[in-house]
Amino acid sequence: MQNFNKTLIGTLVIAAFSFGASAADVDNSWYLGAGLGQNNYQSVDATSHLQDDSDLAWNALVGYQLNKYFAIEAGWQDLGTDDDTHLWGGNTDGSEAIDVDGFTLGLVGTLPLDDKWFATGEIGAYQYHLAHEMGQGKYVSATDTAAYFGIGLGYNITDALAISAKYRRFSDVNETAWNTVDMDAQTIGLQLTYRFGIESEPTPLAITETKPVVEPKVEPKIEPKYQTKIEKEEVTILFGFDSSELSSSGKRQLDKIVRESKNSIDDSIVLIGQADNQGAADYNMKLSKQRVEAVANYLLDSGLQVADMSKQAIGEKESRANSTQSRSLERVVVVELTSTKKILISSL
């Protein structure tokens, strides 16, 4: 078991350096955390009369986010005390007890479920110190390493602050010097984490750019005079997480584009669809195509009159966001309408 635990620690350290080298420019950030819950000592086999028991457990940690899916965490885990006071109430002197605490090092995987909720899984090594008091003035202790794994469900309170419900199991937490106790432990509780360097980005406004181009004409005075205007209007249509369905706000923006096209003598329109950087790249490319088609179909069904329509899907190619709010601004289709209008300026 000791050889397995040493191999596990070495694997985690190598994984930290390899992931850090490949993902330094993706989503790297530091975070701190702390948790509180209950530990259950299980399958306790001790030379004293101690049995399975429960106590308060707590932990503190520091983590480094390698990319949007993986992080390395190091921390301190206190599993509490297994003692005869818990077993027999206040009728004993509490002279028999087992205390366990120590350092953890683990690899944590994160799976986003939507903009707020996420699931986690973790695996690592626990270098613990176990103190076993078998009676008054009679005790032994040992320092060793145990494997652990865990799962959790979390919620992003803000872009930087998150809360998670965590379950962790520690296997073979034993006193190996004199073989006085063999047991397992499992904890369940809540954990808060705070991430550094996360900033919210401002919401972009729809940009309307008008560029009049005057083409002077030499005409007889009996003929009316016109001015040709080329106008460009750009709107941004936002979409929900993993969705290509148009919102009522998006439809109102597209209705305005349709009205503008009916007042023009020559139009062209460009649709550019984009996805955020959550999930697989090929799926995000497919999703951005679906969003472009949803916008194009709505415009055509609403009576859009243009000479040319160009459609382009770029997936997550231009997505750089690293926060919940900023990612919501990258699930878009940008619509650019170029209109040529002839305006009467004088007549006889």
Protein backbone atom coordinates (compact mmCIF):
# COMPACT_ATOMS: atom_id res chain seq x y z
CA MET A 1 0.00 0.00 0.00
CA GLN A 2 2.86 2.39 0.78
CA ASN A 3 4.37 1.85 -2.70
CA PHE A 4 0.96 2.54 -4.28
CA ASN A 5 0.56 5.78 -2.30
CA LYS A 6 4.07 7.00 -3.25
CA THR A 7 3.31 6.23 -6.91
CA LEU A 8 0.03 8.18 -6.64
CA ILE A 9 1.78 11.26 -5.21
CA GLY A 10 4.40 11.16 -7.96
CA THR A 11 1.72 10.87 -10.64
CA LEU A 12 -0.14 13.92 -9.25
CA VAL A 13 3.03 16.05 -9.19
CA ILE A 14 3.91 15.11 -12.78
CA ALA A 15 0.31 15.85 -13.85
CA ALA A 16 0.48 19.30 -12.23
CA PHE A 17 3.60 20.26 -14.21
CA SER A 18 2.43 18.78 -17.52
CA PHE A 19 -1.04 20.39 -17.38
CA GLY A 20 0.45 23.71 -16.25
CA ALA A 21 2.86 23.77 -19.20
CA SER A 22 0.14 23.07 -21.76
CA ALA A 23 -2.60 25.30 -20.32
CA ALA A 24 -0.77 28.34 -18.94
CA ASP A 25 -2.67 30.68 -21.24
CA VAL A 26 -6.13 29.07 -21.07
CA ASP A 27 -7.87 29.69 -17.75
CA ASN A 28 -5.10 29.71 -15.15
CA SER A 29 -6.05 31.22 -11.82
CA TRP A 30 -5.44 30.68 -8.08
CA TYR A 31 -8.15 30.08 -5.50
CA LEU A 32 -8.52 29.51 -1.74
CA GLY A 33 -11.11 27.41 0.05
CA ALA A 34 -12.31 26.02 3.36
CA GLY A 35 -14.89 23.43 4.34
CA LEU A 36 -16.77 22.09 7.36
CA GLY A 37 -18.72 18.86 7.79
CA GLN A 38 -18.91 15.47 9.47
CA ASN A 39 -16.44 12.58 9.33
CA ASN A 40 -17.43 8.95 9.87
CA TYR A 41 -14.71 6.49 10.91
CA GLN A 42 -15.67 3.09 9.45
CA SER A 43 -14.47 -0.52 9.63
CA VAL A 44 -12.47 0.36 12.77
CA ASP A 45 -10.28 -2.59 13.90
CA ALA A 46 -8.38 -1.45 17.02
CA THR A 47 -6.53 -3.10 19.90
CA SER A 48 -8.50 -0.77 22.20
CA HIS A 49 -12.30 -1.05 22.50
CA LEU A 50 -12.83 1.84 20.05
CA GLN A 51 -15.38 1.25 17.28
CA ASP A 52 -16.93 3.19 14.37
CA ASP A 53 -17.53 6.82 15.35
CA SER A 54 -18.38 10.29 13.97
CA ASP A 55 -16.92 13.72 14.66
CA LEU A 56 -16.60 17.24 13.24
CA ALA A 57 -14.20 17.50 10.28
CA TRP A 58 -12.75 20.56 8.56
CA ASN A 59 -10.33 21.39 5.76
CA ALA A 60 -8.52 24.34 4.16
CA LEU A 61 -7.01 24.37 0.68
CA VAL A 62 -5.24 26.33 -2.05
CA GLY A 63 -5.83 25.44 -5.72
CA TYR A 64 -4.54 26.30 -9.18
CA GLN A 65 -6.91 26.09 -12.17
CA LEU A 66 -4.96 24.52 -15.05
CA ASN A 67 -7.78 24.95 -17.61
CA LYS A 68 -11.58 24.97 -17.63
CA TYR A 69 -11.74 21.26 -16.71
CA PHE A 70 -8.82 20.48 -14.36
CA ALA A 71 -7.18 21.93 -11.24
CA ILE A 72 -4.53 20.90 -8.69
CA GLU A 73 -5.40 21.31 -4.98
CA ALA A 74 -3.22 21.10 -1.86
CA GLY A 75 -4.61 21.47 1.63
CA TRP A 76 -4.99 20.43 5.27
CA GLN A 77 -7.62 17.88 6.35
CA ASP A 78 -8.61 17.27 9.99
CA LEU A 79 -10.79 14.15 10.37
CA GLY A 80 -11.59 14.71 14.05
CA THR A 81 -11.51 12.20 16.92
CA ASP A 82 -12.73 8.64 17.47
CA ASP A 83 -12.99 8.25 21.28
CA ASP A 84 -14.85 6.32 23.95
CA THR A 85 -16.64 9.47 25.13
CA HIS A 86 -18.56 9.44 21.82
CA LEU A 87 -19.28 5.74 22.23
CA TRP A 88 -20.35 5.58 25.87
CA GLY A 89 -21.42 9.14 26.67
CA GLY A 90 -20.20 10.91 29.78
CA ASN A 91 -19.70 7.72 31.84
CA THR A 92 -16.06 7.24 30.76
CA ASP A 93 -12.98 9.38 31.18
CA GLY A 94 -12.23 9.65 27.45
CA SER A 95 -8.86 7.98 27.94
CA GLU A 96 -9.04 6.06 24.64
CA ALA A 97 -8.96 8.13 21.44
CA ILE A 98 -7.72 8.28 17.82
CA ASP A 99 -6.90 11.64 16.19
CA VAL A 100 -6.10 12.01 12.45
CA ASP A 101 -5.00 15.08 10.49
CA GLY A 102 -2.57 15.91 7.67
CA PHE A 103 -1.88 17.22 4.17
CA THR A 104 -3.78 16.46 0.95
CA LEU A 105 -2.67 16.73 -2.69
CA GLY A 106 -5.16 15.99 -5.44
CA LEU A 107 -6.30 16.43 -9.04
CA VAL A 108 -9.82 17.94 -9.37
CA GLY A 109 -12.00 17.71 -12.47
CA THR A 110 -14.90 20.14 -13.09
CA LEU A 111 -17.88 19.65 -15.43
CA PRO A 112 -20.05 22.79 -16.05
CA LEU A 113 -23.77 21.90 -16.00
CA ASP A 114 -24.97 25.42 -16.93
CA ASP A 115 -23.96 29.02 -16.19
CA LYS A 116 -24.19 28.49 -12.40
CA TRP A 117 -24.15 24.78 -11.51
CA PHE A 118 -21.19 22.41 -11.88
CA ALA A 119 -20.12 18.90 -10.83
CA THR A 120 -16.68 17.87 -9.52
CA GLY A 121 -14.65 14.70 -9.10
CA GLU A 122 -11.28 14.36 -7.41
CA ILE A 123 -8.55 11.85 -6.60
CA GLY A 124 -5.41 12.29 -4.53
CA ALA A 125 -3.15 11.31 -1.65
CA TYR A 126 -3.51 12.09 2.07
CA GLN A 127 -0.28 12.27 4.14
CA TYR A 128 -1.69 11.91 7.65
CA HIS A 129 -0.53 11.75 11.25
CA LEU A 130 -2.48 9.26 13.38
CA ALA A 131 -2.25 9.40 17.19
CA HIS A 132 -3.77 6.39 19.00
CA GLU A 133 -4.19 6.71 22.78
CA MET A 134 -5.05 3.22 24.06
CA GLY A 135 -5.22 4.20 27.75
CA GLN A 136 -3.83 6.51 30.36
CA GLY A 137 -0.14 7.06 29.47
CA LYS A 138 -0.23 4.45 26.70
CA TYR A 139 -0.26 5.70 23.15
CA VAL A 140 1.42 5.25 19.74
CA SER A 141 1.45 7.34 16.58
CA ALA A 142 2.37 7.00 12.90
CA THR A 143 2.74 9.13 9.78
CA ASP A 144 1.72 7.48 6.51
CA THR A 145 -0.08 8.12 3.21
CA ALA A 146 -3.58 7.03 2.16
CA ALA A 147 -5.45 7.40 -1.13
CA TYR A 148 -8.69 9.37 -1.31
CA PHE A 149 -11.35 10.22 -3.86
CA GLY A 150 -14.36 12.52 -3.85
CA ILE A 151 -17.36 13.89 -5.74
CA GLY A 152 -19.31 17.13 -5.39
CA LEU A 153 -22.03 19.44 -6.68
CA GLY A 154 -21.33 23.19 -6.73
CA TYR A 155 -23.01 26.54 -7.39
CA ASN A 156 -21.33 29.79 -8.53
CA ILE A 157 -22.64 32.50 -6.18
CA THR A 158 -20.63 35.10 -8.13
CA ASP A 159 -17.94 34.86 -10.81
CA ALA A 160 -15.32 34.51 -8.05
CA LEU A 161 -17.20 32.86 -5.12
CA ALA A 162 -18.60 29.31 -5.20
CA ILE A 163 -20.12 26.85 -2.71
CA SER A 164 -20.00 23.05 -3.05
CA ALA A 165 -21.45 20.02 -1.31
CA LYS A 166 -18.55 17.55 -1.02
CA TYR A 167 -18.15 13.82 -0.30
CA ARG A 168 -14.64 12.37 0.24
CA ARG A 169 -13.51 8.86 1.17
CA PHE A 170 -10.09 8.03 2.68
CA SER A 171 -8.97 4.39 2.38
CA ASP A 172 -6.66 2.49 4.76
CA VAL A 173 -6.01 5.14 7.41
CA ASN A 174 -3.86 2.87 9.60
CA GLU A 175 -1.35 3.02 12.47
CA THR A 176 1.49 1.06 10.86
CA ALA A 177 4.24 1.29 13.53
CA TRP A 178 2.60 -1.24 15.95
CA ASN A 179 -0.50 -2.22 13.94
CA THR A 180 -2.86 -1.05 16.68
CA VAL A 181 -5.64 0.24 14.38
CA ASP A 182 -6.92 -0.19 10.79
CA MET A 183 -9.86 1.86 9.48
CA ASP A 184 -11.41 3.92 6.69
CA ALA A 185 -12.95 7.41 6.85
CA GLN A 186 -15.48 9.37 4.85
CA THR A 187 -16.49 13.04 5.11
CA ILE A 188 -19.52 14.97 3.89
CA GLY A 189 -19.96 18.74 4.18
CA LEU A 190 -19.93 22.18 2.55
CA GLN A 191 -16.94 24.01 1.06
CA LEU A 192 -16.50 27.65 0.00
CA THR A 193 -13.89 28.72 -2.58
CA TYR A 194 -12.79 32.19 -3.69
CA ARG A 195 -11.02 32.64 -7.04
CA PHE A 196 -8.56 35.50 -7.64
CA GLY A 197 -8.24 37.60 -10.82
CA ILE A 198 -11.81 37.14 -12.09
CA GLU A 199 -13.29 40.37 -13.44
CA SER A 200 -16.70 40.94 -14.98
CA GLU A 201 -16.76 42.49 -18.41
CA PRO A 202 -19.20 45.27 -19.39
CA THR A 203 -22.21 44.44 -21.53
CA PRO A 204 -21.62 45.55 -25.13
CA LEU A 205 -24.15 47.86 -26.75
CA ALA A 206 -25.54 47.40 -30.22
CA ILE A 207 -23.59 49.63 -32.60
CA THR A 208 -25.27 51.55 -35.37
CA GLU A 209 -22.92 53.18 -37.81
CA THR A 210 -24.13 55.55 -40.51
CA LYS A 211 -21.76 56.54 -43.25
CA PRO A 212 -23.40 58.85 -45.78
CA VAL A 213 -21.80 58.90 -49.19
CA VAL A 214 -22.83 61.83 -51.37
CA GLU A 215 -22.61 61.32 -55.09
CA PRO A 216 -23.20 64.69 -56.83
CA LYS A 217 -25.08 64.55 -60.10
CA VAL A 218 -25.21 67.08 -62.89
CA GLU A 219 -28.75 67.06 -64.18
CA PRO A 220 -31.05 69.49 -65.93
CA LYS A 221 -32.90 71.77 -63.57
CA ILE A 222 -36.17 70.25 -64.59
CA GLU A 223 -35.06 66.90 -63.15
CA PRO A 224 -35.29 66.15 -59.42
CA LYS A 225 -32.10 65.79 -57.41
CA TYR A 226 -31.33 62.83 -55.20
CA GLN A 227 -28.72 61.92 -52.64
CA THR A 228 -27.48 58.36 -52.24
CA LYS A 229 -26.86 57.20 -48.67
CA ILE A 230 -25.05 54.03 -47.65
CA GLU A 231 -25.92 53.00 -44.12
CA LYS A 232 -24.59 50.16 -42.00
CA GLU A 233 -26.51 48.84 -39.03
CA GLU A 234 -25.13 46.16 -36.70
CA VAL A 235 -27.03 44.36 -33.95
CA THR A 236 -25.95 41.57 -31.61
CA ILE A 237 -28.44 38.75 -30.92
CA LEU A 238 -27.73 36.96 -27.62
CA PHE A 239 -28.58 33.28 -27.00
CA GLY A 240 -29.00 31.20 -23.88
CA PHE A 241 -26.61 28.48 -22.66
CA ASP A 242 -26.50 25.53 -25.12
CA SER A 243 -29.45 27.04 -27.06
CA SER A 244 -30.20 28.25 -30.59
CA GLU A 245 -33.69 29.54 -29.75
CA LEU A 246 -34.39 33.23 -30.40
CA SER A 247 -35.57 35.32 -27.46
CA SER A 248 -38.35 37.90 -27.71
CA SER A 249 -35.73 40.65 -27.40
CA GLY A 250 -33.73 39.15 -30.24
CA LYS A 251 -36.82 38.94 -32.44
CA ARG A 252 -37.58 42.63 -31.87
CA GLN A 253 -34.05 43.54 -33.00
CA LEU A 254 -34.44 41.41 -36.14
CA ASP A 255 -37.85 42.99 -36.90
CA LYS A 256 -36.07 46.35 -37.06
CA ILE A 257 -33.59 44.92 -39.59
CA VAL A 258 -36.50 43.66 -41.73
CA ARG A 259 -38.16 47.12 -41.72
CA GLU A 260 -34.89 48.79 -42.74
CA SER A 261 -34.43 46.39 -45.65
CA LYS A 262 -37.83 47.34 -47.14
CA ASN A 263 -36.78 51.00 -47.39
CA SER A 264 -33.67 50.30 -49.43
CA ILE A 265 -32.91 49.92 -53.12
CA ASP A 266 -29.94 47.57 -52.63
CA ASP A 267 -29.06 45.64 -49.43
CA SER A 268 -26.57 43.05 -48.31
CA ILE A 269 -26.55 41.28 -44.96
CA VAL A 270 -23.84 39.34 -43.10
CA LEU A 271 -24.56 36.87 -40.24
CA ILE A 272 -21.69 35.72 -38.00
CA GLY A 273 -22.48 33.07 -35.36
CA GLN A 274 -20.34 32.42 -32.30
CA ALA A 275 -20.34 30.11 -29.22
CA ASP A 276 -18.64 30.41 -25.85
CA ASN A 277 -15.64 28.25 -24.91
CA GLN A 278 -17.56 25.80 -22.72
CA GLY A 279 -17.62 22.21 -24.02
CA ALA A 280 -16.06 20.55 -27.08
CA ALA A 281 -14.94 22.70 -30.04
CA ASP A 282 -16.76 20.63 -32.69
CA TYR A 283 -20.02 20.83 -30.72
CA ASN A 284 -19.63 24.61 -30.34
CA MET A 285 -19.10 24.93 -34.13
CA LYS A 286 -22.32 23.00 -34.75
CA LEU A 287 -24.17 25.15 -32.20
CA SER A 288 -22.98 28.42 -33.80
CA LYS A 289 -24.22 27.15 -37.22
CA GLN A 290 -27.64 26.40 -35.72
CA ARG A 291 -27.81 29.93 -34.29
CA VAL A 292 -26.96 31.49 -37.66
CA GLU A 293 -29.64 29.38 -39.37
CA ALA A 294 -32.22 30.37 -36.71
CA VAL A 295 -31.53 34.08 -37.38
CA ALA A 296 -31.53 33.65 -41.17
CA ASN A 297 -34.82 31.70 -41.18
CA TYR A 298 -36.53 34.28 -38.97
CA LEU A 299 -35.40 37.16 -41.20
CA LEU A 300 -36.54 35.46 -44.42
CA ASP A 301 -39.87 34.35 -42.91
CA SER A 302 -40.47 37.94 -41.75
CA GLY A 303 -40.08 39.36 -45.29
CA LEU A 304 -36.42 40.40 -45.41
CA GLN A 305 -35.59 41.97 -48.80
CA VAL A 306 -31.88 41.87 -49.58
CA ALA A 307 -29.78 41.37 -52.68
CA ASP A 308 -27.22 39.21 -50.90
CA MET A 309 -27.00 37.26 -47.63
CA SER A 310 -23.72 35.87 -46.23
CA LYS A 311 -23.66 33.35 -43.35
CA GLN A 312 -20.61 32.42 -41.31
CA ALA A 313 -20.17 30.22 -38.18
CA ILE A 314 -16.93 30.52 -36.19
CA GLY A 315 -17.70 28.36 -33.12
CA GLU A 316 -15.48 29.21 -30.13
CA LYS A 317 -12.63 30.54 -32.32
CA GLU A 318 -12.85 34.13 -31.02
CA SER A 319 -14.03 33.24 -27.47
CA ARG A 320 -11.67 34.37 -24.71
CA ALA A 321 -14.00 34.79 -21.70
CA ASN A 322 -13.17 33.27 -18.32
CA SER A 323 -16.23 34.24 -16.27
CA THR A 324 -19.92 33.40 -16.25
CA GLN A 325 -21.04 36.91 -17.27
CA SER A 326 -18.50 37.37 -20.03
CA ARG A 327 -19.21 33.91 -21.49
CA SER A 328 -22.90 34.82 -21.79
CA LEU A 329 -21.86 37.68 -24.12
CA GLU A 330 -20.07 35.32 -26.51
CA ARG A 331 -23.14 33.20 -27.35
CA VAL A 332 -24.22 35.53 -30.18
CA VAL A 333 -25.02 36.08 -33.82
CA VAL A 334 -23.79 39.44 -35.12
CA VAL A 335 -26.05 40.85 -37.87
CA GLU A 336 -24.65 43.56 -40.16
CA LEU A 337 -26.98 45.17 -42.71
CA THR A 338 -25.57 47.44 -45.45
CA SER A 339 -28.29 49.53 -47.12
CA THR A 340 -28.20 51.88 -50.13
CA LYS A 341 -30.97 54.48 -50.15
CA LYS A 342 -31.86 57.20 -52.67
CA ILE A 343 -33.20 60.35 -50.97
CA LEU A 344 -34.93 63.19 -52.83
CA ILE A 345 -33.30 66.48 -51.88
CA SER A 346 -34.97 68.91 -54.39
CA SER A 347 -37.40 69.02 -57.36
CA LEU A 348 -39.03 71.62 -59.62
